PDB file of N, CA and C in Angstrom:
ATOM      1  N   MET A   1     168.044 102.410 -39.079  1.00  0.00           N
ATOM      2  CA  MET A   1     169.383 102.933 -39.177  1.00  0.00           C
ATOM      3  C   MET A   1     169.473 104.083 -40.163  1.00  0.00           C
ATOM      4  N   ALA A   2     168.763 103.966 -41.272  1.00  0.00           N
ATOM      5  CA  ALA A   2     168.819 105.015 -42.283  1.00  0.00           C
ATOM      6  C   ALA A   2     168.290 106.329 -41.702  1.00  0.00           C
ATOM      7  N   LYS A   3     167.259 106.202 -40.857  1.00  0.00           N
ATOM      8  CA  LYS A   3     166.690 107.396 -40.265  1.00  0.00           C
ATOM      9  C   LYS A   3     167.703 108.098 -39.361  1.00  0.00           C
ATOM     10  N   SER A   4     168.518 107.358 -38.540  1.00  0.00           N
ATOM     11  CA  SER A   4     169.495 107.984 -37.678  1.00  0.00           C
ATOM     12  C   SER A   4     170.602 108.656 -38.470  1.00  0.00           C
ATOM     13  N   SER A   5     171.006 108.084 -39.615  1.00  0.00           N
ATOM     14  CA  SER A   5     172.058 108.737 -40.401  1.00  0.00           C
ATOM     15  C   SER A   5     171.536 110.029 -41.018  1.00  0.00           C
ATOM     16  N   ILE A   6     170.252 110.064 -41.389  1.00  0.00           N
ATOM     17  CA  ILE A   6     169.661 111.300 -41.905  1.00  0.00           C
ATOM     18  C   ILE A   6     169.614 112.346 -40.793  1.00  0.00           C
ATOM     19  N   ASP A   7     169.242 111.910 -39.593  1.00  0.00           N
ATOM     20  CA  ASP A   7     169.197 112.837 -38.467  1.00  0.00           C
ATOM     21  C   ASP A   7     170.595 113.367 -38.169  1.00  0.00           C
ATOM     22  N   LEU A   8     171.621 112.519 -38.234  1.00  0.00           N
ATOM     23  CA  LEU A   8     172.997 112.952 -37.989  1.00  0.00           C
ATOM     24  C   LEU A   8     173.449 113.915 -39.082  1.00  0.00           C
ATOM     25  N   GLY A   9     173.050 113.654 -40.314  1.00  0.00           N
ATOM     26  CA  GLY A   9     173.392 114.557 -41.415  1.00  0.00           C
ATOM     27  C   GLY A   9     172.759 115.927 -41.215  1.00  0.00           C
ATOM     28  N   ASP A  10     171.482 115.921 -40.823  1.00  0.00           N
ATOM     29  CA  ASP A  10     170.810 117.192 -40.539  1.00  0.00           C
ATOM     30  C   ASP A  10     171.477 117.904 -39.372  1.00  0.00           C
ATOM     31  N   LEU A  11     171.858 117.133 -38.370  1.00  0.00           N
ATOM     32  CA  LEU A  11     172.519 117.700 -37.208  1.00  0.00           C
ATOM     33  C   LEU A  11     173.849 118.331 -37.605  1.00  0.00           C
ATOM     34  N   GLU A  12     174.625 117.628 -38.430  1.00  0.00           N
ATOM     35  CA  GLU A  12     175.914 118.163 -38.877  1.00  0.00           C
ATOM     36  C   GLU A  12     175.721 119.436 -39.692  1.00  0.00           C
ATOM     37  N   GLN A  13     174.707 119.440 -40.530  1.00  0.00           N
ATOM     38  CA  GLN A  13     174.420 120.624 -41.348  1.00  0.00           C
ATOM     39  C   GLN A  13     174.002 121.799 -40.458  1.00  0.00           C
ATOM     40  N   ASN A  14     173.182 121.522 -39.455  1.00  0.00           N
ATOM     41  CA  ASN A  14     172.762 122.567 -38.521  1.00  0.00           C
ATOM     42  C   ASN A  14     173.949 123.097 -37.724  1.00  0.00           C
ATOM     43  N   ILE A  15     174.851 122.199 -37.358  1.00  0.00           N
ATOM     44  CA  ILE A  15     176.048 122.620 -36.614  1.00  0.00           C
ATOM     45  C   ILE A  15     176.912 123.524 -37.488  1.00  0.00           C
ATOM     46  N   ARG A  16     177.083 123.156 -38.752  1.00  0.00           N
ATOM     47  CA  ARG A  16     177.870 123.985 -39.670  1.00  0.00           C
ATOM     48  C   ARG A  16     177.231 125.368 -39.847  1.00  0.00           C
ATOM     49  N   ARG A  17     175.909 125.371 -39.977  1.00  0.00           N
ATOM     50  CA  ARG A  17     175.182 126.625 -40.126  1.00  0.00           C
ATOM     51  C   ARG A  17     175.321 127.477 -38.860  1.00  0.00           C
ATOM     52  N   LEU A  18     175.235 126.842 -37.706  1.00  0.00           N
ATOM     53  CA  LEU A  18     175.394 127.547 -36.436  1.00  0.00           C
ATOM     54  C   LEU A  18     176.813 128.114 -36.315  1.00  0.00           C
ATOM     55  N   ASP A  19     177.822 127.320 -36.694  1.00  0.00           N
ATOM     56  CA  ASP A  19     179.204 127.799 -36.665  1.00  0.00           C
ATOM     57  C   ASP A  19     179.374 129.020 -37.564  1.00  0.00           C
ATOM     58  N   SER A  20     178.763 128.981 -38.726  1.00  0.00           N
ATOM     59  CA  SER A  20     178.826 130.110 -39.663  1.00  0.00           C
ATOM     60  C   SER A  20     178.159 131.342 -39.062  1.00  0.00           C
ATOM     61  N   GLN A  21     177.017 131.142 -38.438  1.00  0.00           N
ATOM     62  CA  GLN A  21     176.313 132.263 -37.820  1.00  0.00           C
ATOM     63  C   GLN A  21     177.107 132.836 -36.648  1.00  0.00           C
ATOM     64  N   ILE A  22     177.732 131.972 -35.876  1.00  0.00           N
ATOM     65  CA  ILE A  22     178.560 132.430 -34.753  1.00  0.00           C
ATOM     66  C   ILE A  22     179.743 133.235 -35.277  1.00  0.00           C
ATOM     67  N   GLU A  23     180.326 132.771 -36.343  1.00  0.00           N
ATOM     68  CA  GLU A  23     181.440 133.492 -36.953  1.00  0.00           C
ATOM     69  C   GLU A  23     180.986 134.873 -37.438  1.00  0.00           C
ATOM     70  N   ASN A  24     179.813 134.931 -38.050  1.00  0.00           N
ATOM     71  CA  ASN A  24     179.272 136.225 -38.500  1.00  0.00           C
ATOM     72  C   ASN A  24     179.018 137.158 -37.312  1.00  0.00           C
ATOM     73  N   VAL A  25     178.482 136.614 -36.243  1.00  0.00           N
ATOM     74  CA  VAL A  25     178.230 137.422 -35.043  1.00  0.00           C
ATOM     75  C   VAL A  25     179.556 137.930 -34.473  1.00  0.00           C
ATOM     76  N   ASN A  26     180.557 137.079 -34.431  1.00  0.00           N
ATOM     77  CA  ASN A  26     181.865 137.498 -33.927  1.00  0.00           C
ATOM     78  C   ASN A  26     182.459 138.608 -34.793  1.00  0.00           C
ATOM     79  N   GLU A  27     182.314 138.497 -36.097  1.00  0.00           N
ATOM     80  CA  GLU A  27     182.808 139.539 -36.993  1.00  0.00           C
ATOM     81  C   GLU A  27     182.085 140.856 -36.735  1.00  0.00           C
ATOM     82  N   GLN A  28     180.775 140.779 -36.562  1.00  0.00           N
ATOM     83  CA  GLN A  28     180.000 141.978 -36.272  1.00  0.00           C
ATOM     84  C   GLN A  28     180.404 142.590 -34.927  1.00  0.00           C
ATOM     85  N   MET A  29     180.655 141.755 -33.943  1.00  0.00           N
ATOM     86  CA  MET A  29     181.098 142.234 -32.626  1.00  0.00           C
ATOM     87  C   MET A  29     182.438 142.953 -32.754  1.00  0.00           C
ATOM     88  N   GLU A  30     183.347 142.369 -33.527  1.00  0.00           N
ATOM     89  CA  GLU A  30     184.656 142.990 -33.727  1.00  0.00           C
ATOM     90  C   GLU A  30     184.501 144.349 -34.407  1.00  0.00           C
ATOM     91  N   LYS A  31     183.603 144.425 -35.393  1.00  0.00           N
ATOM     92  CA  LYS A  31     183.355 145.705 -36.066  1.00  0.00           C
ATOM     93  C   LYS A  31     182.773 146.714 -35.087  1.00  0.00           C
ATOM     94  N   MET A  32     181.816 146.273 -34.257  1.00  0.00           N
ATOM     95  CA  MET A  32     181.188 147.176 -33.293  1.00  0.00           C
ATOM     96  C   MET A  32     182.208 147.678 -32.280  1.00  0.00           C
ATOM     97  N   ILE A  33     183.087 146.811 -31.823  1.00  0.00           N
ATOM     98  CA  ILE A  33     184.110 147.208 -30.861  1.00  0.00           C
ATOM     99  C   ILE A  33     185.051 148.216 -31.514  1.00  0.00           C
ATOM    100  N   SER A  34     185.433 147.948 -32.757  1.00  0.00           N
ATOM    101  CA  SER A  34     186.302 148.867 -33.481  1.00  0.00           C
ATOM    102  C   SER A  34     185.636 150.227 -33.653  1.00  0.00           C
ATOM    103  N   ILE A  35     184.378 150.234 -34.033  1.00  0.00           N
ATOM    104  CA  ILE A  35     183.640 151.488 -34.208  1.00  0.00           C
ATOM    105  C   ILE A  35     183.514 152.217 -32.874  1.00  0.00           C
ATOM    106  N   ASN A  36     183.268 151.472 -31.810  1.00  0.00           N
ATOM    107  CA  ASN A  36     183.139 152.065 -30.484  1.00  0.00           C
ATOM    108  C   ASN A  36     184.448 152.731 -30.067  1.00  0.00           C
ATOM    109  N   LEU A  37     185.565 152.053 -30.311  1.00  0.00           N
ATOM    110  CA  LEU A  37     186.859 152.628 -29.958  1.00  0.00           C
ATOM    111  C   LEU A  37     187.140 153.883 -30.781  1.00  0.00           C
ATOM    112  N   THR A  38     186.779 153.846 -32.051  1.00  0.00           N
ATOM    113  CA  THR A  38     186.952 155.024 -32.902  1.00  0.00           C
ATOM    114  C   THR A  38     186.097 156.176 -32.393  1.00  0.00           C
ATOM    115  N   LEU A  39     184.856 155.863 -32.029  1.00  0.00           N
ATOM    116  CA  LEU A  39     183.953 156.877 -31.494  1.00  0.00           C
ATOM    117  C   LEU A  39     184.503 157.487 -30.206  1.00  0.00           C
ATOM    118  N   GLN A  40     185.011 156.646 -29.321  1.00  0.00           N
ATOM    119  CA  GLN A  40     185.593 157.149 -28.083  1.00  0.00           C
ATOM    120  C   GLN A  40     186.777 158.065 -28.379  1.00  0.00           C
ATOM    121  N   SER A  41     187.589 157.674 -29.349  1.00  0.00           N
ATOM    122  CA  SER A  41     188.741 158.487 -29.730  1.00  0.00           C
ATOM    123  C   SER A  41     188.289 159.849 -30.244  1.00  0.00           C
ATOM    124  N   LYS A  42     187.263 159.860 -31.097  1.00  0.00           N
ATOM    125  CA  LYS A  42     186.756 161.118 -31.656  1.00  0.00           C
ATOM    126  C   LYS A  42     186.129 161.983 -30.565  1.00  0.00           C
ATOM    127  N   ILE A  43     185.436 161.372 -29.631  1.00  0.00           N
ATOM    128  CA  ILE A  43     184.838 162.134 -28.528  1.00  0.00           C
ATOM    129  C   ILE A  43     185.938 162.760 -27.677  1.00  0.00           C
ATOM    130  N   THR A  44     187.011 162.002 -27.450  1.00  0.00           N
ATOM    131  CA  THR A  44     188.134 162.530 -26.682  1.00  0.00           C
ATOM    132  C   THR A  44     188.769 163.710 -27.413  1.00  0.00           C
ATOM    133  N   GLU A  45     188.974 163.567 -28.729  1.00  0.00           N
ATOM    134  CA  GLU A  45     189.526 164.670 -29.516  1.00  0.00           C
ATOM    135  C   GLU A  45     188.621 165.896 -29.427  1.00  0.00           C
ATOM    136  N   LEU A  46     187.324 165.681 -29.517  1.00  0.00           N
ATOM    137  CA  LEU A  46     186.371 166.782 -29.448  1.00  0.00           C
ATOM    138  C   LEU A  46     186.431 167.457 -28.079  1.00  0.00           C
ATOM    139  N   MET A  47     186.544 166.672 -27.019  1.00  0.00           N
ATOM    140  CA  MET A  47     186.627 167.255 -25.676  1.00  0.00           C
ATOM    141  C   MET A  47     187.896 168.096 -25.537  1.00  0.00           C
ATOM    142  N   ILE A  48     189.009 167.621 -26.090  1.00  0.00           N
ATOM    143  CA  ILE A  48     190.264 168.376 -26.028  1.00  0.00           C
ATOM    144  C   ILE A  48     190.106 169.698 -26.778  1.00  0.00           C
ATOM    145  N   LYS A  49     189.482 169.645 -27.947  1.00  0.00           N
ATOM    146  CA  LYS A  49     189.268 170.875 -28.714  1.00  0.00           C
ATOM    147  C   LYS A  49     188.315 171.820 -27.991  1.00  0.00           C
ATOM    148  N   GLN A  50     187.318 171.274 -27.307  1.00  0.00           N
ATOM    149  CA  GLN A  50     186.389 172.090 -26.530  1.00  0.00           C
ATOM    150  C   GLN A  50     187.138 172.801 -25.405  1.00  0.00           C
ATOM    151  N   ILE A  51     188.013 172.068 -24.743  1.00  0.00           N
ATOM    152  CA  ILE A  51     188.796 172.655 -23.645  1.00  0.00           C
ATOM    153  C   ILE A  51     189.667 173.789 -24.181  1.00  0.00           C
ATOM    154  N   ASP A  52     190.328 173.552 -25.323  1.00  0.00           N
ATOM    155  CA  ASP A  52     191.151 174.593 -25.940  1.00  0.00           C
ATOM    156  C   ASP A  52     190.307 175.818 -26.288  1.00  0.00           C
ATOM    157  N   LEU A  53     189.130 175.586 -26.840  1.00  0.00           N
ATOM    158  CA  LEU A  53     188.247 176.686 -27.206  1.00  0.00           C
ATOM    159  C   LEU A  53     187.803 177.465 -25.973  1.00  0.00           C
ATOM    160  N   ILE A  54     187.479 176.768 -24.922  1.00  0.00           N
ATOM    161  CA  ILE A  54     187.063 177.426 -23.672  1.00  0.00           C
ATOM    162  C   ILE A  54     188.201 178.287 -23.137  1.00  0.00           C
ATOM    163  N   GLU A  55     189.423 177.746 -23.161  1.00  0.00           N
ATOM    164  CA  GLU A  55     190.577 178.516 -22.688  1.00  0.00           C
ATOM    165  C   GLU A  55     190.779 179.762 -23.545  1.00  0.00           C
ATOM    166  N   SER A  56     190.632 179.618 -24.855  1.00  0.00           N
ATOM    167  CA  SER A  56     190.785 180.770 -25.754  1.00  0.00           C
ATOM    168  C   SER A  56     189.714 181.825 -25.477  1.00  0.00           C
ATOM    169  N   LEU A  57     188.481 181.366 -25.251  1.00  0.00           N
ATOM    170  CA  LEU A  57     187.399 182.308 -24.943  1.00  0.00           C
ATOM    171  C   LEU A  57     187.651 183.025 -23.619  1.00  0.00           C
ATOM    172  N   LYS A  58     188.166 182.318 -22.640  1.00  0.00           N
ATOM    173  CA  LYS A  58     188.468 182.946 -21.352  1.00  0.00           C
ATOM    174  C   LYS A  58     189.568 183.996 -21.509  1.00  0.00           C
ATOM    175  N   LYS A  59     190.583 183.684 -22.338  1.00  0.00           N
ATOM    176  CA  LYS A  59     191.640 184.661 -22.595  1.00  0.00           C
ATOM    177  C   LYS A  59     191.072 185.890 -23.292  1.00  0.00           C
ATOM    178  N   MET A  60     190.161 185.657 -24.230  1.00  0.00           N
ATOM    179  CA  MET A  60     189.542 186.768 -24.939  1.00  0.00           C
ATOM    180  C   MET A  60     188.740 187.639 -23.983  1.00  0.00           C
ATOM    181  N   ILE A  61     188.032 187.005 -23.069  1.00  0.00           N
ATOM    182  CA  ILE A  61     187.255 187.759 -22.078  1.00  0.00           C
ATOM    183  C   ILE A  61     188.190 188.590 -21.203  1.00  0.00           C
ATOM    184  N   ASP A  62     189.314 187.990 -20.800  1.00  0.00           N
ATOM    185  CA  ASP A  62     190.284 188.731 -19.985  1.00  0.00           C
ATOM    186  C   ASP A  62     190.813 189.951 -20.742  1.00  0.00           C
ATOM    187  N   LEU A  63     191.117 189.772 -22.026  1.00  0.00           N
ATOM    188  CA  LEU A  63     191.602 190.893 -22.832  1.00  0.00           C
ATOM    189  C   LEU A  63     190.533 191.980 -22.950  1.00  0.00           C
ATOM    190  N   LEU A  64     189.298 191.549 -23.142  1.00  0.00           N
ATOM    191  CA  LEU A  64     188.208 192.520 -23.225  1.00  0.00           C
ATOM    192  C   LEU A  64     188.013 193.265 -21.904  1.00  0.00           C
ATOM    193  N   GLU A  65     188.189 192.565 -20.807  1.00  0.00           N
ATOM    194  CA  GLU A  65     188.070 193.220 -19.499  1.00  0.00           C
ATOM    195  C   GLU A  65     189.175 194.260 -19.328  1.00  0.00           C
ATOM    196  N   GLU A  66     190.390 193.875 -19.733  1.00  0.00           N
ATOM    197  CA  GLU A  66     191.502 194.822 -19.655  1.00  0.00           C
ATOM    198  C   GLU A  66     191.225 196.047 -20.506  1.00  0.00           C
ATOM    199  N   ALA A  67     190.773 195.801 -21.726  1.00  0.00           N
ATOM    200  CA  ALA A  67     190.475 196.915 -22.625  1.00  0.00           C
ATOM    201  C   ALA A  67     189.357 197.778 -22.044  1.00  0.00           C
ATOM    202  N   GLY A  68     188.401 197.143 -21.415  1.00  0.00           N
ATOM    203  CA  GLY A  68     187.288 197.882 -20.815  1.00  0.00           C
ATOM    204  C   GLY A  68     187.726 198.740 -19.649  1.00  0.00           C
ATOM    205  N   GLN A  69     188.698 198.248 -18.876  1.00  0.00           N
ATOM    206  CA  GLN A  69     189.190 199.009 -17.739  1.00  0.00           C
ATOM    207  C   GLN A  69     189.998 200.219 -18.202  1.00  0.00           C
ATOM    208  N   GLU A  70     190.688 200.073 -19.322  1.00  0.00           N
ATOM    209  CA  GLU A  70     191.489 201.177 -19.839  1.00  0.00           C
ATOM    210  C   GLU A  70     190.607 202.234 -20.498  1.00  0.00           C
ATOM    211  N   GLU A  71     189.458 201.847 -20.931  1.00  0.00           N
ATOM    212  CA  GLU A  71     188.543 202.766 -21.620  1.00  0.00           C
ATOM    213  C   GLU A  71     187.961 203.752 -20.624  1.00  0.00           C
ATOM    214  N   GLU A  72     188.077 205.013 -20.933  1.00  0.00           N
ATOM    215  CA  GLU A  72     187.609 206.064 -20.021  1.00  0.00           C
ATOM    216  C   GLU A  72     186.224 206.579 -20.400  1.00  0.00           C
ATOM    217  N   GLU A  73     185.736 206.177 -21.556  1.00  0.00           N
ATOM    218  CA  GLU A  73     184.463 206.697 -22.008  1.00  0.00           C
ATOM    219  C   GLU A  73     183.301 206.155 -21.171  1.00  0.00           C
ATOM    220  N   LYS A  74     182.219 206.935 -21.142  1.00  0.00           N
ATOM    221  CA  LYS A  74     181.037 206.533 -20.396  1.00  0.00           C
ATOM    222  C   LYS A  74     180.232 205.460 -21.124  1.00  0.00           C
ATOM    223  N   VAL A  75     180.334 205.414 -22.453  1.00  0.00           N
ATOM    224  CA  VAL A  75     179.580 204.437 -23.232  1.00  0.00           C
ATOM    225  C   VAL A  75     180.174 203.061 -22.970  1.00  0.00           C
ATOM    226  N   ASP A  76     179.312 202.141 -22.628  1.00  0.00           N
ATOM    227  CA  ASP A  76     179.795 200.797 -22.268  1.00  0.00           C
ATOM    228  C   ASP A  76     179.518 199.825 -23.411  1.00  0.00           C
ATOM    229  N   TYR A  77     180.549 199.594 -24.220  1.00  0.00           N
ATOM    230  CA  TYR A  77     180.439 198.633 -25.314  1.00  0.00           C
ATOM    231  C   TYR A  77     180.859 197.235 -24.877  1.00  0.00           C
ATOM    232  N   ILE A  78     181.654 197.181 -23.867  1.00  0.00           N
ATOM    233  CA  ILE A  78     182.281 195.916 -23.472  1.00  0.00           C
ATOM    234  C   ILE A  78     181.327 194.995 -22.716  1.00  0.00           C
ATOM    235  N   THR A  79     180.494 195.541 -21.843  1.00  0.00           N
ATOM    236  CA  THR A  79     179.647 194.701 -20.994  1.00  0.00           C
ATOM    237  C   THR A  79     178.746 193.751 -21.776  1.00  0.00           C
ATOM    238  N   PRO A  80     178.016 194.210 -22.800  1.00  0.00           N
ATOM    239  CA  PRO A  80     177.180 193.245 -23.542  1.00  0.00           C
ATOM    240  C   PRO A  80     178.022 192.166 -24.230  1.00  0.00           C
ATOM    241  N   LEU A  81     179.171 192.577 -24.767  1.00  0.00           N
ATOM    242  CA  LEU A  81     180.053 191.613 -25.418  1.00  0.00           C
ATOM    243  C   LEU A  81     180.618 190.633 -24.397  1.00  0.00           C
ATOM    244  N   LYS A  82     180.980 191.140 -23.252  1.00  0.00           N
ATOM    245  CA  LYS A  82     181.500 190.288 -22.175  1.00  0.00           C
ATOM    246  C   LYS A  82     180.436 189.293 -21.719  1.00  0.00           C
ATOM    247  N   GLU A  83     179.207 189.762 -21.561  1.00  0.00           N
ATOM    248  CA  GLU A  83     178.122 188.865 -21.147  1.00  0.00           C
ATOM    249  C   GLU A  83     177.876 187.784 -22.190  1.00  0.00           C
ATOM    250  N   THR A  84     177.925 188.176 -23.452  1.00  0.00           N
ATOM    251  CA  THR A  84     177.755 187.199 -24.529  1.00  0.00           C
ATOM    252  C   THR A  84     178.867 186.160 -24.495  1.00  0.00           C
ATOM    253  N   MET A  85     180.090 186.630 -24.313  1.00  0.00           N
ATOM    254  CA  MET A  85     181.233 185.708 -24.260  1.00  0.00           C
ATOM    255  C   MET A  85     181.126 184.780 -23.042  1.00  0.00           C
ATOM    256  N   GLU A  86     180.710 185.322 -21.918  1.00  0.00           N
ATOM    257  CA  GLU A  86     180.537 184.494 -20.732  1.00  0.00           C
ATOM    258  C   GLU A  86     179.449 183.445 -20.946  1.00  0.00           C
ATOM    259  N   THR A  87     178.402 183.816 -21.649  1.00  0.00           N
ATOM    260  CA  THR A  87     177.344 182.859 -21.986  1.00  0.00           C
ATOM    261  C   THR A  87     177.899 181.754 -22.875  1.00  0.00           C
ATOM    262  N   LEU A  88     178.699 182.144 -23.862  1.00  0.00           N
ATOM    263  CA  LEU A  88     179.321 181.148 -24.743  1.00  0.00           C
ATOM    264  C   LEU A  88     180.227 180.196 -23.959  1.00  0.00           C
ATOM    265  N   VAL A  89     181.010 180.745 -23.058  1.00  0.00           N
ATOM    266  CA  VAL A  89     181.889 179.898 -22.240  1.00  0.00           C
ATOM    267  C   VAL A  89     181.054 178.955 -21.391  1.00  0.00           C
ATOM    268  N   SER A  90     179.970 179.460 -20.825  1.00  0.00           N
ATOM    269  CA  SER A  90     179.086 178.622 -20.017  1.00  0.00           C
ATOM    270  C   SER A  90     178.504 177.481 -20.849  1.00  0.00           C
ATOM    271  N   LYS A  91     178.051 177.813 -22.068  1.00  0.00           N
ATOM    272  CA  LYS A  91     177.484 176.782 -22.952  1.00  0.00           C
ATOM    273  C   LYS A  91     178.559 175.774 -23.345  1.00  0.00           C
ATOM    274  N   GLN A  92     179.768 176.240 -23.569  1.00  0.00           N
ATOM    275  CA  GLN A  92     180.868 175.334 -23.907  1.00  0.00           C
ATOM    276  C   GLN A  92     181.145 174.381 -22.734  1.00  0.00           C
ATOM    277  N   ASP A  93     181.108 174.924 -21.518  1.00  0.00           N
ATOM    278  CA  ASP A  93     181.297 174.071 -20.339  1.00  0.00           C
ATOM    279  C   ASP A  93     180.200 173.016 -20.247  1.00  0.00           C
ATOM    280  N   GLU A  94     178.951 173.418 -20.511  1.00  0.00           N
ATOM    281  CA  GLU A  94     177.843 172.466 -20.474  1.00  0.00           C
ATOM    282  C   GLU A  94     178.016 171.393 -21.543  1.00  0.00           C
ATOM    283  N   LEU A  95     178.443 171.809 -22.728  1.00  0.00           N
ATOM    284  CA  LEU A  95     178.661 170.866 -23.822  1.00  0.00           C
ATOM    285  C   LEU A  95     179.783 169.894 -23.475  1.00  0.00           C
ATOM    286  N   LEU A  96     180.841 170.399 -22.890  1.00  0.00           N
ATOM    287  CA  LEU A  96     181.953 169.542 -22.479  1.00  0.00           C
ATOM    288  C   LEU A  96     181.483 168.527 -21.446  1.00  0.00           C
ATOM    289  N   THR A  97     180.688 168.963 -20.487  1.00  0.00           N
ATOM    290  CA  THR A  97     180.154 168.051 -19.470  1.00  0.00           C
ATOM    291  C   THR A  97     179.289 166.974 -20.112  1.00  0.00           C
ATOM    292  N   ALA A  98     178.457 167.375 -21.065  1.00  0.00           N
ATOM    293  CA  ALA A  98     177.598 166.408 -21.757  1.00  0.00           C
ATOM    294  C   ALA A  98     178.435 165.405 -22.545  1.00  0.00           C
ATOM    295  N   LEU A  99     179.469 165.874 -23.212  1.00  0.00           N
ATOM    296  CA  LEU A  99     180.339 164.969 -23.972  1.00  0.00           C
ATOM    297  C   LEU A  99     181.073 163.999 -23.045  1.00  0.00           C
ATOM    298  N   GLN A 100     181.504 164.500 -21.906  1.00  0.00           N
ATOM    299  CA  GLN A 100     182.166 163.618 -20.942  1.00  0.00           C
ATOM    300  C   GLN A 100     181.195 162.559 -20.433  1.00  0.00           C
ATOM    301  N   THR A 101     179.955 162.936 -20.205  1.00  0.00           N
ATOM    302  CA  THR A 101     178.934 161.984 -19.763  1.00  0.00           C
ATOM    303  C   THR A 101     178.695 160.921 -20.826  1.00  0.00           C
ATOM    304  N   ILE A 102     178.602 161.354 -22.087  1.00  0.00           N
ATOM    305  CA  ILE A 102     178.407 160.406 -23.192  1.00  0.00           C
ATOM    306  C   ILE A 102     179.589 159.455 -23.277  1.00  0.00           C
ATOM    307  N   ASP A 103     180.800 159.987 -23.165  1.00  0.00           N
ATOM    308  CA  ASP A 103     181.993 159.152 -23.238  1.00  0.00           C
ATOM    309  C   ASP A 103     182.010 158.121 -22.110  1.00  0.00           C
ATOM    310  N   LYS A 104     181.664 158.549 -20.902  1.00  0.00           N
ATOM    311  CA  LYS A 104     181.614 157.622 -19.769  1.00  0.00           C
ATOM    312  C   LYS A 104     180.572 156.539 -20.012  1.00  0.00           C
ATOM    313  N   HIS A 105     179.422 156.937 -20.539  1.00  0.00           N
ATOM    314  CA  HIS A 105     178.358 155.966 -20.806  1.00  0.00           C
ATOM    315  C   HIS A 105     178.806 154.948 -21.850  1.00  0.00           C
ATOM    316  N   ILE A 106     179.371 155.424 -22.925  1.00  0.00           N
ATOM    317  CA  ILE A 106     179.823 154.515 -23.988  1.00  0.00           C
ATOM    318  C   ILE A 106     180.884 153.572 -23.446  1.00  0.00           C
ATOM    319  N   THR A 107     181.837 154.119 -22.728  1.00  0.00           N
ATOM    320  CA  THR A 107     182.916 153.300 -22.181  1.00  0.00           C
ATOM    321  C   THR A 107     182.363 152.265 -21.212  1.00  0.00           C
ATOM    322  N   ARG A 108     181.484 152.694 -20.327  1.00  0.00           N
ATOM    323  CA  ARG A 108     180.960 151.802 -19.287  1.00  0.00           C
ATOM    324  C   ARG A 108     180.023 150.748 -19.867  1.00  0.00           C
ATOM    325  N   GLU A 109     179.082 151.152 -20.708  1.00  0.00           N
ATOM    326  CA  GLU A 109     178.042 150.242 -21.160  1.00  0.00           C
ATOM    327  C   GLU A 109     178.479 149.348 -22.308  1.00  0.00           C
ATOM    328  N   TYR A 110     178.944 149.947 -23.376  1.00  0.00           N
ATOM    329  CA  TYR A 110     179.171 149.179 -24.586  1.00  0.00           C
ATOM    330  C   TYR A 110     180.455 148.366 -24.543  1.00  0.00           C
ATOM    331  N   THR A 111     181.544 148.973 -24.147  1.00  0.00           N
ATOM    332  CA  THR A 111     182.804 148.251 -24.172  1.00  0.00           C
ATOM    333  C   THR A 111     182.758 147.043 -23.252  1.00  0.00           C
ATOM    334  N   ARG A 112     182.313 147.242 -22.051  1.00  0.00           N
ATOM    335  CA  ARG A 112     182.287 146.154 -21.079  1.00  0.00           C
ATOM    336  C   ARG A 112     181.347 145.050 -21.560  1.00  0.00           C
ATOM    337  N   GLU A 113     180.148 145.443 -22.022  1.00  0.00           N
ATOM    338  CA  GLU A 113     179.160 144.461 -22.465  1.00  0.00           C
ATOM    339  C   GLU A 113     179.617 143.740 -23.725  1.00  0.00           C
ATOM    340  N   MET A 114     180.154 144.471 -24.673  1.00  0.00           N
ATOM    341  CA  MET A 114     180.588 143.851 -25.926  1.00  0.00           C
ATOM    342  C   MET A 114     181.764 142.908 -25.715  1.00  0.00           C
ATOM    343  N   LEU A 115     182.710 143.362 -24.915  1.00  0.00           N
ATOM    344  CA  LEU A 115     183.868 142.496 -24.654  1.00  0.00           C
ATOM    345  C   LEU A 115     183.452 141.247 -23.896  1.00  0.00           C
ATOM    346  N   THR A 116     182.530 141.381 -22.964  1.00  0.00           N
ATOM    347  CA  THR A 116     182.051 140.231 -22.217  1.00  0.00           C
ATOM    348  C   THR A 116     181.380 139.233 -23.152  1.00  0.00           C
ATOM    349  N   LYS A 117     180.515 139.734 -24.040  1.00  0.00           N
ATOM    350  CA  LYS A 117     179.823 138.845 -24.976  1.00  0.00           C
ATOM    351  C   LYS A 117     180.804 138.243 -25.975  1.00  0.00           C
ATOM    352  N   ALA A 118     181.772 138.999 -26.428  1.00  0.00           N
ATOM    353  CA  ALA A 118     182.725 138.499 -27.427  1.00  0.00           C
ATOM    354  C   ALA A 118     183.606 137.408 -26.838  1.00  0.00           C
ATOM    355  N   LEU A 119     183.891 137.498 -25.547  1.00  0.00           N
ATOM    356  CA  LEU A 119     184.752 136.505 -24.910  1.00  0.00           C
ATOM    357  C   LEU A 119     184.009 135.225 -24.572  1.00  0.00           C
ATOM    358  N   LYS A 120     182.689 135.270 -24.550  1.00  0.00           N
ATOM    359  CA  LYS A 120     181.916 134.074 -24.202  1.00  0.00           C
ATOM    360  C   LYS A 120     181.928 133.105 -25.284  1.00  0.00           C
TER     361      LYS A 120
END
């Protein structure tokens, strides 16, 4: 009988330790979910700013084109600048696409998986 009470005591202690570990894991999951949501928010803000920047660059290119059309001189200063600006806009578009892909990946993989594990 003494042996079974020792085994039950060890079992109770192991259960308490397991409960503590589960609680720690749940706390970590909550922190990870919070960080993930913050990250998604920041990525969204960055994408909005990228879109604004792209629009501003396109407006600048349009203004440069207008100025170039009004210019009667044979020397072409606008074309290299226009090409550079178009390259920048292209790179901004690529960056925006990459950020959107990252956001989709984070949303699809981590949120769904973390919430599923946290609810179990």
